Amino acid sequence: MSRIHPTYQNRSHDDKLTLKERSEEDTDQLQLQLVRPSVLTVWKRSSMTFQGTDGFTVFDQHGRLAFRVDNYSRKSSCNIIKGGRLVLMDGDGTALLTLKPQVLSMQYQWNAYSGEDKTGKRVTSTTSKTPDFRIEGCFRRRNCKIIKSSSGEMVARIARKRVNNRRILLGDDVFSLAVQPGFDPQLIMAFVIILDRICVLLQEKSHLGRGFLFFVFLF
């Protein structure tokens, strides 16, 4: 069975590094991160294994747990329509963003709040008339880009996950998310979660075409 995320193969070497070498290596890695995309592996499966849970498990390029979403069911989209919320957490389970749809919204509008408290500071909203970001391509087929509207700059790319960088593709439940330097991976991951929820709702209503644009608005 193939791994869905990279394996960090230098653990024995890493354990032997001196403090000075660790510091130099951390500095080098930080410099590389400033010029290279942050590549995440997204698995549409909860990190919790007991029955009835659903969500996302997200790994970084070293195979470490970066983000997770637990305890919601894709089979119950009516709960989302009625105002259900989703909580994006880091690998340790700390709440980063709470995503909440606007009740009775005909345009699938969502808000994001810092942390787990829905009454906290709002981070994003979909009520502005002018989009800061847009999506080009088909999220359902795992082939799309998040674009900055003002400049046309690519913010992130979603693509099918390949086995060991070969031609063999994994299923739709595992895909790659490459976030360009200068953009917040947790905010982009929140966009992906919302996209997934919208796709589920549209599929249930039989309105999902071969491709679509999705706009994300910021205050």
N, C-alpha and C. Protein backbone atom coordinates (compact mmCIF):
# COMPACT_ATOMS: atom_id res chain seq x y z
N MET A 1 0.84 -1.20 0.00
CA MET A 1 0.00 0.00 0.00
C MET A 1 0.87 1.25 0.00
N SER A 2 0.63 2.16 -0.89
CA SER A 2 1.44 3.36 -1.02
C SER A 2 1.11 4.36 0.07
N ARG A 3 2.15 5.09 0.48
CA ARG A 3 1.94 6.16 1.45
C ARG A 3 1.27 7.34 0.77
N ILE A 4 0.42 8.04 1.50
CA ILE A 4 -0.25 9.20 0.91
C ILE A 4 0.51 10.47 1.20
N HIS A 5 1.57 10.39 1.99
CA HIS A 5 2.36 11.58 2.29
C HIS A 5 3.83 11.20 2.27
N PRO A 6 4.75 12.18 2.09
CA PRO A 6 6.18 11.88 2.06
C PRO A 6 6.66 11.32 3.39
N THR A 7 7.72 10.53 3.31
CA THR A 7 8.34 9.99 4.51
C THR A 7 9.61 10.76 4.80
N TYR A 8 9.73 11.23 6.02
CA TYR A 8 10.94 11.95 6.41
C TYR A 8 12.01 10.92 6.69
N GLN A 9 13.04 10.82 5.84
CA GLN A 9 13.99 9.72 5.86
C GLN A 9 15.29 10.04 6.60
N ASN A 10 15.44 11.22 7.14
CA ASN A 10 16.71 11.60 7.73
C ASN A 10 16.64 11.70 9.25
N ARG A 11 15.77 10.92 9.88
CA ARG A 11 15.61 11.02 11.32
C ARG A 11 16.90 10.64 12.06
N SER A 12 17.57 9.54 11.64
CA SER A 12 18.78 9.12 12.33
C SER A 12 19.86 10.18 12.20
N HIS A 13 19.97 10.77 11.03
CA HIS A 13 20.95 11.84 10.82
C HIS A 13 20.58 13.06 11.65
N ASP A 14 19.32 13.37 11.69
CA ASP A 14 18.85 14.55 12.41
C ASP A 14 19.11 14.41 13.90
N ASP A 15 19.02 13.20 14.43
CA ASP A 15 19.24 12.98 15.85
C ASP A 15 20.69 13.23 16.25
N LYS A 16 21.63 13.13 15.28
CA LYS A 16 23.05 13.27 15.57
C LYS A 16 23.56 14.70 15.39
N LEU A 17 22.71 15.59 14.92
CA LEU A 17 23.15 16.95 14.67
C LEU A 17 23.43 17.68 15.98
N THR A 18 24.47 18.51 15.99
CA THR A 18 24.74 19.36 17.13
C THR A 18 23.78 20.53 17.12
N LEU A 19 23.74 21.27 18.23
CA LEU A 19 22.85 22.43 18.30
C LEU A 19 23.20 23.45 17.22
N LYS A 20 24.50 23.65 16.97
CA LYS A 20 24.92 24.61 15.95
C LYS A 20 24.48 24.14 14.57
N GLU A 21 24.67 22.84 14.30
CA GLU A 21 24.27 22.30 13.00
C GLU A 21 22.77 22.38 12.83
N ARG A 22 22.01 22.11 13.92
CA ARG A 22 20.56 22.21 13.86
C ARG A 22 20.13 23.63 13.52
N SER A 23 20.79 24.60 14.16
CA SER A 23 20.45 26.00 13.91
C SER A 23 20.72 26.38 12.47
N GLU A 24 21.88 25.94 11.95
CA GLU A 24 22.23 26.24 10.56
C GLU A 24 21.26 25.57 9.60
N GLU A 25 20.89 24.32 9.91
CA GLU A 25 19.96 23.59 9.04
C GLU A 25 18.58 24.22 9.07
N ASP A 26 18.12 24.64 10.26
CA ASP A 26 16.82 25.30 10.37
C ASP A 26 16.81 26.61 9.58
N THR A 27 17.92 27.34 9.62
CA THR A 27 18.02 28.60 8.87
C THR A 27 17.94 28.34 7.38
N ASP A 28 18.66 27.29 6.92
CA ASP A 28 18.64 26.94 5.50
C ASP A 28 17.23 26.54 5.07
N GLN A 29 16.54 25.75 5.90
CA GLN A 29 15.20 25.31 5.56
C GLN A 29 14.24 26.49 5.51
N LEU A 30 14.41 27.45 6.43
CA LEU A 30 13.56 28.63 6.44
C LEU A 30 13.76 29.45 5.18
N GLN A 31 15.01 29.59 4.73
CA GLN A 31 15.29 30.33 3.51
C GLN A 31 14.68 29.64 2.30
N LEU A 32 14.72 28.31 2.29
CA LEU A 32 14.11 27.57 1.19
C LEU A 32 12.60 27.75 1.18
N GLN A 33 12.00 27.78 2.38
CA GLN A 33 10.55 27.93 2.48
C GLN A 33 10.09 29.29 1.97
N LEU A 34 10.99 30.29 2.04
CA LEU A 34 10.64 31.63 1.59
C LEU A 34 10.56 31.72 0.07
N VAL A 35 11.19 30.77 -0.64
CA VAL A 35 11.20 30.82 -2.10
C VAL A 35 10.47 29.63 -2.72
N ARG A 36 10.17 28.61 -1.95
CA ARG A 36 9.50 27.43 -2.48
C ARG A 36 8.06 27.35 -1.97
N PRO A 37 7.18 26.75 -2.77
CA PRO A 37 5.80 26.58 -2.31
C PRO A 37 5.73 25.66 -1.09
N SER A 38 4.73 25.86 -0.27
CA SER A 38 4.45 24.96 0.84
C SER A 38 3.52 23.88 0.32
N VAL A 39 4.04 22.66 0.20
CA VAL A 39 3.29 21.57 -0.42
C VAL A 39 2.65 20.71 0.66
N LEU A 40 1.33 20.62 0.62
CA LEU A 40 0.57 19.85 1.59
C LEU A 40 -0.11 18.68 0.89
N THR A 41 -0.27 17.59 1.61
CA THR A 41 -1.05 16.46 1.14
C THR A 41 -2.35 16.43 1.92
N VAL A 42 -3.46 16.57 1.21
CA VAL A 42 -4.78 16.65 1.83
C VAL A 42 -5.50 15.32 1.67
N TRP A 43 -5.94 14.76 2.76
CA TRP A 43 -6.66 13.48 2.77
C TRP A 43 -8.05 13.74 3.31
N LYS A 44 -9.05 13.46 2.52
CA LYS A 44 -10.44 13.68 2.94
C LYS A 44 -10.88 12.56 3.88
N ARG A 45 -10.28 12.57 5.03
CA ARG A 45 -10.61 11.58 6.06
C ARG A 45 -10.22 12.16 7.41
N SER A 46 -11.06 11.95 8.39
CA SER A 46 -10.78 12.45 9.73
C SER A 46 -9.59 11.73 10.33
N SER A 47 -8.82 12.44 11.15
CA SER A 47 -7.73 11.81 11.88
C SER A 47 -8.24 10.93 13.01
N MET A 48 -9.53 11.08 13.34
CA MET A 48 -10.16 10.24 14.36
C MET A 48 -10.74 9.01 13.69
N THR A 49 -10.56 7.86 14.29
CA THR A 49 -10.87 6.60 13.62
C THR A 49 -12.21 5.99 13.98
N PHE A 50 -12.88 6.50 15.02
CA PHE A 50 -14.12 5.83 15.40
C PHE A 50 -15.25 6.20 14.44
N GLN A 51 -16.25 5.34 14.38
CA GLN A 51 -17.33 5.47 13.41
C GLN A 51 -18.13 6.75 13.63
N GLY A 52 -18.52 7.37 12.51
CA GLY A 52 -19.35 8.57 12.58
C GLY A 52 -18.58 9.87 12.43
N THR A 53 -17.24 9.78 12.39
CA THR A 53 -16.45 10.99 12.20
C THR A 53 -16.08 11.16 10.73
N ASP A 54 -15.84 12.38 10.35
CA ASP A 54 -15.46 12.69 8.98
C ASP A 54 -14.65 13.97 9.03
N GLY A 55 -13.98 14.30 7.94
CA GLY A 55 -13.22 15.54 7.95
C GLY A 55 -12.04 15.51 7.02
N PHE A 56 -10.96 16.19 7.43
CA PHE A 56 -9.73 16.27 6.64
C PHE A 56 -8.54 15.99 7.54
N THR A 57 -7.54 15.34 6.96
CA THR A 57 -6.24 15.18 7.59
C THR A 57 -5.21 15.69 6.61
N VAL A 58 -4.38 16.65 7.04
CA VAL A 58 -3.45 17.33 6.13
C VAL A 58 -2.02 17.17 6.64
N PHE A 59 -1.13 16.69 5.75
CA PHE A 59 0.27 16.49 6.09
C PHE A 59 1.15 17.50 5.37
N ASP A 60 2.27 17.88 6.01
CA ASP A 60 3.24 18.73 5.33
C ASP A 60 4.18 17.88 4.51
N GLN A 61 5.22 18.51 3.91
CA GLN A 61 6.10 17.77 3.01
C GLN A 61 6.98 16.76 3.72
N HIS A 62 7.04 16.83 5.06
CA HIS A 62 7.82 15.87 5.83
C HIS A 62 6.95 14.75 6.41
N GLY A 63 5.68 14.74 6.07
CA GLY A 63 4.79 13.71 6.59
C GLY A 63 4.23 14.00 7.95
N ARG A 64 4.45 15.22 8.46
CA ARG A 64 3.92 15.59 9.78
C ARG A 64 2.51 16.14 9.64
N LEU A 65 1.69 15.88 10.66
CA LEU A 65 0.32 16.36 10.65
C LEU A 65 0.32 17.88 10.79
N ALA A 66 -0.24 18.57 9.79
CA ALA A 66 -0.23 20.03 9.78
C ALA A 66 -1.59 20.61 10.17
N PHE A 67 -2.67 20.07 9.59
CA PHE A 67 -4.03 20.55 9.88
C PHE A 67 -4.96 19.35 9.99
N ARG A 68 -6.10 19.59 10.65
CA ARG A 68 -7.13 18.54 10.71
C ARG A 68 -8.49 19.17 10.93
N VAL A 69 -9.49 18.48 10.43
CA VAL A 69 -10.89 18.83 10.67
C VAL A 69 -11.59 17.54 11.05
N ASP A 70 -12.21 17.50 12.22
CA ASP A 70 -12.84 16.28 12.72
C ASP A 70 -14.31 16.53 13.05
N ASN A 71 -15.02 15.42 13.24
CA ASN A 71 -16.37 15.46 13.81
C ASN A 71 -17.42 16.21 13.02
N TYR A 72 -17.48 15.97 11.74
CA TYR A 72 -18.64 16.42 10.99
C TYR A 72 -18.89 15.39 9.90
N SER A 73 -20.11 15.32 9.45
CA SER A 73 -20.49 14.27 8.50
C SER A 73 -20.88 14.85 7.17
N ARG A 74 -20.27 14.33 6.13
CA ARG A 74 -20.59 14.72 4.77
C ARG A 74 -22.00 14.26 4.38
N LYS A 75 -22.53 13.31 5.10
CA LYS A 75 -23.85 12.78 4.77
C LYS A 75 -24.97 13.65 5.31
N SER A 76 -24.62 14.67 6.05
CA SER A 76 -25.64 15.50 6.67
C SER A 76 -25.45 16.96 6.28
N SER A 77 -25.58 17.25 4.98
CA SER A 77 -25.38 18.62 4.50
C SER A 77 -26.45 19.55 5.02
N CYS A 78 -27.61 19.03 5.42
CA CYS A 78 -28.67 19.90 5.94
C CYS A 78 -28.20 20.61 7.20
N ASN A 79 -27.31 19.96 7.97
CA ASN A 79 -26.78 20.60 9.16
C ASN A 79 -25.93 21.81 8.81
N ILE A 80 -25.23 21.72 7.66
CA ILE A 80 -24.43 22.84 7.21
C ILE A 80 -25.33 23.98 6.77
N ILE A 81 -26.38 23.67 6.04
CA ILE A 81 -27.30 24.69 5.56
C ILE A 81 -27.96 25.41 6.73
N LYS A 82 -28.23 24.69 7.80
CA LYS A 82 -28.90 25.28 8.96
C LYS A 82 -27.94 26.04 9.87
N GLY A 83 -26.68 26.13 9.48
CA GLY A 83 -25.75 26.93 10.26
C GLY A 83 -24.68 26.15 10.98
N GLY A 84 -24.46 24.88 10.59
CA GLY A 84 -23.41 24.11 11.21
C GLY A 84 -22.05 24.72 10.93
N ARG A 85 -21.11 24.50 11.84
CA ARG A 85 -19.80 25.10 11.69
C ARG A 85 -18.74 24.02 11.56
N LEU A 86 -17.62 24.38 10.97
CA LEU A 86 -16.47 23.51 10.83
C LEU A 86 -15.28 24.19 11.49
N VAL A 87 -14.46 23.44 12.19
CA VAL A 87 -13.31 24.01 12.90
C VAL A 87 -12.02 23.46 12.30
N LEU A 88 -11.20 24.35 11.77
CA LEU A 88 -9.88 23.97 11.27
C LEU A 88 -8.89 24.03 12.42
N MET A 89 -8.22 22.91 12.67
CA MET A 89 -7.26 22.82 13.77
C MET A 89 -5.86 22.55 13.25
N ASP A 90 -4.85 22.85 14.06
CA ASP A 90 -3.50 22.46 13.71
C ASP A 90 -3.29 20.99 14.09
N GLY A 91 -2.08 20.49 13.91
CA GLY A 91 -1.83 19.08 14.18
C GLY A 91 -2.01 18.67 15.62
N ASP A 92 -1.92 19.63 16.54
CA ASP A 92 -2.08 19.34 17.97
C ASP A 92 -3.52 19.47 18.44
N GLY A 93 -4.41 19.88 17.54
CA GLY A 93 -5.82 20.02 17.91
C GLY A 93 -6.22 21.41 18.36
N THR A 94 -5.33 22.39 18.23
CA THR A 94 -5.66 23.77 18.59
C THR A 94 -6.49 24.41 17.48
N ALA A 95 -7.62 25.00 17.84
CA ALA A 95 -8.50 25.61 16.84
C ALA A 95 -7.83 26.84 16.23
N LEU A 96 -7.81 26.87 14.90
CA LEU A 96 -7.23 28.00 14.17
C LEU A 96 -8.31 28.90 13.60
N LEU A 97 -9.27 28.29 12.91
CA LEU A 97 -10.36 29.04 12.28
C LEU A 97 -11.67 28.28 12.44
N THR A 98 -12.74 29.00 12.68
CA THR A 98 -14.08 28.43 12.66
C THR A 98 -14.78 28.92 11.40
N LEU A 99 -15.25 27.98 10.59
CA LEU A 99 -15.92 28.31 9.32
C LEU A 99 -17.41 28.10 9.50
N LYS A 100 -18.17 29.12 9.14
CA LYS A 100 -19.61 29.06 9.38
C LYS A 100 -20.36 29.64 8.18
N PRO A 101 -21.30 28.88 7.59
CA PRO A 101 -22.07 29.41 6.46
C PRO A 101 -23.12 30.40 6.94
N GLN A 102 -23.43 31.35 6.09
CA GLN A 102 -24.50 32.28 6.39
C GLN A 102 -25.84 31.60 6.13
N VAL A 103 -26.70 31.62 7.12
CA VAL A 103 -28.00 30.95 7.04
C VAL A 103 -28.84 31.57 5.93
N LEU A 104 -29.50 30.70 5.15
CA LEU A 104 -30.39 31.11 4.06
C LEU A 104 -29.67 31.88 2.96
N SER A 105 -28.37 31.66 2.83
CA SER A 105 -27.61 32.31 1.77
C SER A 105 -27.84 31.57 0.46
N MET A 106 -28.20 32.31 -0.58
CA MET A 106 -28.42 31.71 -1.89
C MET A 106 -27.13 31.63 -2.69
N GLN A 107 -26.07 32.26 -2.21
CA GLN A 107 -24.80 32.27 -2.93
C GLN A 107 -23.72 31.47 -2.20
N TYR A 108 -24.14 30.63 -1.27
CA TYR A 108 -23.20 29.79 -0.52
C TYR A 108 -22.13 30.67 0.15
N GLN A 109 -22.58 31.63 0.92
CA GLN A 109 -21.68 32.56 1.58
C GLN A 109 -21.21 32.01 2.92
N TRP A 110 -19.93 32.20 3.19
CA TRP A 110 -19.33 31.70 4.42
C TRP A 110 -18.55 32.81 5.12
N ASN A 111 -18.43 32.70 6.42
CA ASN A 111 -17.57 33.57 7.21
C ASN A 111 -16.55 32.71 7.94
N ALA A 112 -15.39 33.30 8.24
CA ALA A 112 -14.36 32.61 9.02
C ALA A 112 -14.02 33.45 10.23
N TYR A 113 -13.89 32.79 11.39
CA TYR A 113 -13.59 33.47 12.64
C TYR A 113 -12.33 32.88 13.25
N SER A 114 -11.55 33.73 13.90
CA SER A 114 -10.32 33.27 14.55
C SER A 114 -10.66 32.31 15.70
N GLY A 115 -9.89 31.25 15.81
CA GLY A 115 -10.09 30.30 16.90
C GLY A 115 -11.38 29.52 16.75
N GLU A 116 -11.93 29.09 17.89
CA GLU A 116 -13.12 28.24 17.87
C GLU A 116 -14.38 29.00 18.22
N ASP A 117 -14.27 30.22 18.70
CA ASP A 117 -15.43 31.00 19.13
C ASP A 117 -16.02 31.73 17.94
N LYS A 118 -17.25 31.42 17.58
CA LYS A 118 -17.88 32.04 16.42
C LYS A 118 -18.16 33.53 16.63
N THR A 119 -18.05 33.99 17.86
CA THR A 119 -18.27 35.41 18.13
C THR A 119 -16.96 36.19 18.10
N GLY A 120 -15.85 35.51 17.79
CA GLY A 120 -14.55 36.16 17.76
C GLY A 120 -14.39 37.03 16.52
N LYS A 121 -13.16 37.47 16.31
CA LYS A 121 -12.87 38.36 15.19
C LYS A 121 -13.07 37.64 13.86
N ARG A 122 -13.82 38.27 12.96
CA ARG A 122 -14.06 37.66 11.66
C ARG A 122 -12.83 37.85 10.78
N VAL A 123 -12.38 36.77 10.16
CA VAL A 123 -11.19 36.80 9.33
C VAL A 123 -11.55 37.02 7.88
N THR A 124 -12.52 36.26 7.38
CA THR A 124 -12.93 36.39 5.99
C THR A 124 -14.43 36.41 5.88
N SER A 125 -14.89 36.92 4.76
CA SER A 125 -16.32 36.96 4.50
C SER A 125 -16.54 36.89 3.00
N THR A 126 -17.74 36.50 2.59
CA THR A 126 -18.04 36.43 1.17
C THR A 126 -19.15 37.40 0.81
N THR A 127 -19.10 38.60 1.38
CA THR A 127 -20.15 39.57 1.12
C THR A 127 -19.68 40.74 0.27
N SER A 128 -18.39 40.86 0.03
CA SER A 128 -17.88 41.94 -0.79
C SER A 128 -18.27 41.74 -2.25
N LYS A 129 -18.40 42.84 -2.99
CA LYS A 129 -18.78 42.76 -4.39
C LYS A 129 -17.58 42.47 -5.29
N THR A 130 -16.40 42.80 -4.81
CA THR A 130 -15.20 42.61 -5.60
C THR A 130 -14.34 41.52 -4.98
N PRO A 131 -14.06 40.43 -5.71
CA PRO A 131 -13.28 39.33 -5.13
C PRO A 131 -11.80 39.64 -5.09
N ASP A 132 -11.15 39.30 -4.00
CA ASP A 132 -9.69 39.40 -3.91
C ASP A 132 -9.05 38.16 -4.53
N PHE A 133 -9.72 37.03 -4.42
CA PHE A 133 -9.22 35.78 -4.98
C PHE A 133 -10.33 35.10 -5.77
N ARG A 134 -9.93 34.31 -6.73
CA ARG A 134 -10.90 33.51 -7.48
C ARG A 134 -10.28 32.14 -7.76
N ILE A 135 -11.13 31.20 -8.09
CA ILE A 135 -10.65 29.86 -8.43
C ILE A 135 -10.93 29.58 -9.89
N GLU A 136 -9.93 29.10 -10.58
CA GLU A 136 -10.05 28.72 -11.99
C GLU A 136 -9.84 27.22 -12.11
N GLY A 137 -10.72 26.56 -12.82
CA GLY A 137 -10.60 25.13 -13.00
C GLY A 137 -11.72 24.39 -12.31
N CYS A 138 -11.50 23.11 -12.06
CA CYS A 138 -12.53 22.25 -11.47
C CYS A 138 -12.01 21.62 -10.18
N PHE A 139 -12.54 22.09 -9.07
CA PHE A 139 -12.13 21.52 -7.79
C PHE A 139 -12.55 20.06 -7.68
N ARG A 140 -13.73 19.74 -8.19
CA ARG A 140 -14.23 18.37 -8.08
C ARG A 140 -13.27 17.38 -8.73
N ARG A 141 -12.58 17.80 -9.79
CA ARG A 141 -11.62 16.94 -10.46
C ARG A 141 -10.19 17.13 -9.96
N ARG A 142 -10.06 17.92 -8.91
CA ARG A 142 -8.75 18.18 -8.31
C ARG A 142 -7.79 18.78 -9.34
N ASN A 143 -8.27 19.75 -10.07
CA ASN A 143 -7.45 20.41 -11.08
C ASN A 143 -7.85 21.88 -11.15
N CYS A 144 -7.32 22.68 -10.23
CA CYS A 144 -7.69 24.09 -10.21
C CYS A 144 -6.61 24.93 -9.54
N LYS A 145 -6.73 26.24 -9.72
CA LYS A 145 -5.78 27.19 -9.15
C LYS A 145 -6.54 28.28 -8.41
N ILE A 146 -5.95 28.77 -7.33
CA ILE A 146 -6.47 29.94 -6.64
C ILE A 146 -5.65 31.13 -7.12
N ILE A 147 -6.33 32.13 -7.67
CA ILE A 147 -5.68 33.27 -8.33
C ILE A 147 -5.99 34.55 -7.58
N LYS A 148 -5.00 35.42 -7.45
CA LYS A 148 -5.21 36.75 -6.89
C LYS A 148 -5.78 37.63 -7.99
N SER A 149 -6.99 38.13 -7.79
CA SER A 149 -7.72 38.82 -8.85
C SER A 149 -7.01 40.08 -9.34
N SER A 150 -6.44 40.85 -8.43
CA SER A 150 -5.86 42.14 -8.80
C SER A 150 -4.63 42.01 -9.69
N SER A 151 -3.86 40.94 -9.51
CA SER A 151 -2.61 40.80 -10.25
C SER A 151 -2.56 39.58 -11.16
N GLY A 152 -3.49 38.65 -10.99
CA GLY A 152 -3.44 37.41 -11.75
C GLY A 152 -2.42 36.42 -11.22
N GLU A 153 -1.81 36.73 -10.08
CA GLU A 153 -0.80 35.87 -9.48
C GLU A 153 -1.43 34.61 -8.92
N MET A 154 -0.75 33.46 -9.14
CA MET A 154 -1.26 32.21 -8.60
C MET A 154 -0.92 32.12 -7.12
N VAL A 155 -1.93 31.90 -6.30
CA VAL A 155 -1.76 31.78 -4.86
C VAL A 155 -1.50 30.33 -4.46
N ALA A 156 -2.25 29.41 -5.05
CA ALA A 156 -2.11 27.99 -4.72
C ALA A 156 -2.63 27.15 -5.87
N ARG A 157 -2.19 25.91 -5.88
CA ARG A 157 -2.64 24.98 -6.92
C ARG A 157 -3.07 23.67 -6.29
N ILE A 158 -4.20 23.15 -6.75
CA ILE A 158 -4.72 21.86 -6.29
C ILE A 158 -4.59 20.87 -7.43
N ALA A 159 -4.00 19.71 -7.15
CA ALA A 159 -3.77 18.72 -8.20
C ALA A 159 -3.92 17.32 -7.63
N ARG A 160 -4.16 16.37 -8.52
CA ARG A 160 -4.24 14.96 -8.11
C ARG A 160 -2.90 14.53 -7.52
N LYS A 161 -2.96 13.68 -6.54
CA LYS A 161 -1.75 13.19 -5.88
C LYS A 161 -1.18 12.01 -6.65
N ARG A 162 0.12 12.05 -6.91
CA ARG A 162 0.79 10.98 -7.63
C ARG A 162 1.60 10.12 -6.65
N VAL A 163 1.74 8.84 -6.98
CA VAL A 163 2.50 7.92 -6.15
C VAL A 163 3.98 8.07 -6.49
N ASN A 164 4.77 8.50 -5.52
CA ASN A 164 6.22 8.66 -5.69
C ASN A 164 6.56 9.48 -6.93
N ASN A 165 5.75 10.52 -7.17
CA ASN A 165 5.96 11.44 -8.30
C ASN A 165 5.92 10.74 -9.65
N ARG A 166 5.21 9.64 -9.73
CA ARG A 166 5.09 8.92 -11.00
C ARG A 166 3.73 9.19 -11.63
N ARG A 167 3.42 8.46 -12.67
CA ARG A 167 2.18 8.68 -13.40
C ARG A 167 0.97 8.07 -12.70
N ILE A 168 1.19 7.24 -11.70
CA ILE A 168 0.08 6.59 -11.00
C ILE A 168 -0.61 7.61 -10.10
N LEU A 169 -1.91 7.81 -10.32
CA LEU A 169 -2.68 8.78 -9.55
C LEU A 169 -3.47 8.09 -8.45
N LEU A 170 -3.53 8.73 -7.29
CA LEU A 170 -4.38 8.23 -6.21
C LEU A 170 -5.81 8.70 -6.43
N GLY A 171 -6.72 8.25 -5.59
CA GLY A 171 -8.13 8.60 -5.72
C GLY A 171 -8.39 10.06 -5.40
N ASP A 172 -9.62 10.49 -5.65
CA ASP A 172 -9.99 11.88 -5.42
C ASP A 172 -9.94 12.29 -3.96
N ASP A 173 -9.91 11.31 -3.05
CA ASP A 173 -9.91 11.66 -1.63
C ASP A 173 -8.53 12.06 -1.13
N VAL A 174 -7.51 11.96 -1.98
CA VAL A 174 -6.16 12.39 -1.64
C VAL A 174 -5.66 13.31 -2.74
N PHE A 175 -5.26 14.52 -2.38
CA PHE A 175 -4.76 15.45 -3.40
C PHE A 175 -3.69 16.36 -2.83
N SER A 176 -2.99 17.03 -3.73
CA SER A 176 -1.88 17.91 -3.35
C SER A 176 -2.34 19.36 -3.36
N LEU A 177 -1.89 20.12 -2.36
CA LEU A 177 -2.18 21.55 -2.27
C LEU A 177 -0.85 22.28 -2.13
N ALA A 178 -0.44 23.02 -3.17
CA ALA A 178 0.82 23.76 -3.16
C ALA A 178 0.51 25.24 -2.97
N VAL A 179 0.91 25.80 -1.83
CA VAL A 179 0.66 27.20 -1.50
C VAL A 179 1.93 28.00 -1.76
N GLN A 180 1.81 29.05 -2.55
CA GLN A 180 2.96 29.86 -2.90
C GLN A 180 3.47 30.67 -1.71
N PRO A 181 4.78 30.99 -1.69
CA PRO A 181 5.34 31.80 -0.60
C PRO A 181 4.62 33.14 -0.46
N GLY A 182 4.46 33.58 0.77
CA GLY A 182 3.82 34.86 1.02
C GLY A 182 2.33 34.76 1.30
N PHE A 183 1.77 33.55 1.19
CA PHE A 183 0.35 33.34 1.45
C PHE A 183 0.18 32.35 2.60
N ASP A 184 -0.86 32.54 3.39
CA ASP A 184 -1.08 31.77 4.61
C ASP A 184 -1.68 30.41 4.30
N PRO A 185 -0.96 29.30 4.54
CA PRO A 185 -1.49 27.97 4.25
C PRO A 185 -2.79 27.67 4.98
N GLN A 186 -2.94 28.14 6.24
CA GLN A 186 -4.16 27.82 6.97
C GLN A 186 -5.38 28.52 6.37
N LEU A 187 -5.20 29.73 5.83
CA LEU A 187 -6.30 30.41 5.17
C LEU A 187 -6.67 29.71 3.87
N ILE A 188 -5.66 29.27 3.12
CA ILE A 188 -5.91 28.55 1.88
C ILE A 188 -6.59 27.22 2.17
N MET A 189 -6.18 26.55 3.24
CA MET A 189 -6.82 25.29 3.61
C MET A 189 -8.28 25.52 3.98
N ALA A 190 -8.57 26.65 4.61
CA ALA A 190 -9.96 26.99 4.92
C ALA A 190 -10.77 27.14 3.63
N PHE A 191 -10.18 27.75 2.61
CA PHE A 191 -10.86 27.88 1.32
C PHE A 191 -11.19 26.51 0.75
N VAL A 192 -10.22 25.58 0.87
CA VAL A 192 -10.42 24.23 0.34
C VAL A 192 -11.58 23.53 1.04
N ILE A 193 -11.66 23.69 2.35
CA ILE A 193 -12.76 23.08 3.11
C ILE A 193 -14.10 23.62 2.64
N ILE A 194 -14.17 24.94 2.45
CA ILE A 194 -15.42 25.55 1.98
C ILE A 194 -15.76 25.07 0.58
N LEU A 195 -14.76 24.98 -0.28
CA LEU A 195 -14.99 24.45 -1.63
C LEU A 195 -15.58 23.06 -1.58
N ASP A 196 -15.03 22.23 -0.72
CA ASP A 196 -15.53 20.86 -0.60
C ASP A 196 -16.98 20.84 -0.15
N ARG A 197 -17.33 21.69 0.81
CA ARG A 197 -18.71 21.76 1.30
C ARG A 197 -19.66 22.23 0.20
N ILE A 198 -19.23 23.22 -0.57
CA ILE A 198 -20.07 23.71 -1.66
C ILE A 198 -20.26 22.63 -2.72
N CYS A 199 -19.20 21.89 -3.01
CA CYS A 199 -19.31 20.79 -3.98
C CYS A 199 -20.32 19.76 -3.53
N VAL A 200 -20.29 19.42 -2.24
CA VAL A 200 -21.24 18.44 -1.71
C VAL A 200 -22.67 18.93 -1.87
N LEU A 201 -22.91 20.18 -1.53
CA LEU A 201 -24.26 20.75 -1.63
C LEU A 201 -24.72 20.80 -3.08
N LEU A 202 -23.83 21.18 -3.98
CA LEU A 202 -24.19 21.27 -5.39
C LEU A 202 -24.44 19.89 -5.98
N GLN A 203 -23.66 18.91 -5.58
CA GLN A 203 -23.87 17.55 -6.07
C GLN A 203 -25.22 17.02 -5.63
N GLU A 204 -25.59 17.32 -4.39
CA GLU A 204 -26.88 16.85 -3.89
C GLU A 204 -28.04 17.53 -4.63
N LYS A 205 -27.80 18.73 -5.11
CA LYS A 205 -28.84 19.45 -5.85
C LYS A 205 -28.72 19.23 -7.35
N SER A 206 -27.73 18.43 -7.76
CA SER A 206 -27.54 18.08 -9.18
C SER A 206 -27.30 19.31 -10.04
N HIS A 207 -26.57 20.27 -9.50
CA HIS A 207 -26.25 21.47 -10.26
C HIS A 207 -24.77 21.58 -10.57
N LEU A 208 -23.99 20.56 -10.25
CA LEU A 208 -22.56 20.66 -10.42
C LEU A 208 -22.18 20.33 -11.86
N GLY A 209 -21.55 21.26 -12.55
CA GLY A 209 -21.11 21.05 -13.91
C GLY A 209 -19.69 20.52 -13.95
N ARG A 210 -19.08 20.62 -15.13
CA ARG A 210 -17.73 20.10 -15.30
C ARG A 210 -16.68 21.02 -14.69
N GLY A 211 -17.01 22.29 -14.53
CA GLY A 211 -16.07 23.23 -13.94
C GLY A 211 -16.82 24.45 -13.46
N PHE A 212 -16.23 25.20 -12.55
CA PHE A 212 -16.91 26.39 -12.06
C PHE A 212 -15.90 27.33 -11.44
N LEU A 213 -16.30 28.57 -11.24
CA LEU A 213 -15.49 29.56 -10.55
C LEU A 213 -16.05 29.76 -9.16
N PHE A 214 -15.17 29.91 -8.20
CA PHE A 214 -15.60 30.18 -6.83
C PHE A 214 -14.84 31.39 -6.33
N PHE A 215 -15.54 32.37 -5.82
CA PHE A 215 -14.90 33.61 -5.41
C PHE A 215 -14.81 33.69 -3.89
N VAL A 216 -13.68 34.12 -3.42
CA VAL A 216 -13.46 34.33 -2.00
C VAL A 216 -13.23 35.81 -1.78
N PHE A 217 -13.99 36.40 -0.87
CA PHE A 217 -13.92 37.83 -0.63
C PHE A 217 -13.35 38.10 0.75
N LEU A 218 -12.54 39.12 0.86
CA LEU A 218 -11.91 39.46 2.12
C LEU A 218 -12.27 40.87 2.54
N PHE A 219 -12.34 41.08 3.87
CA PHE A 219 -12.48 42.43 4.42
C PHE A 219 -11.09 42.90 4.83
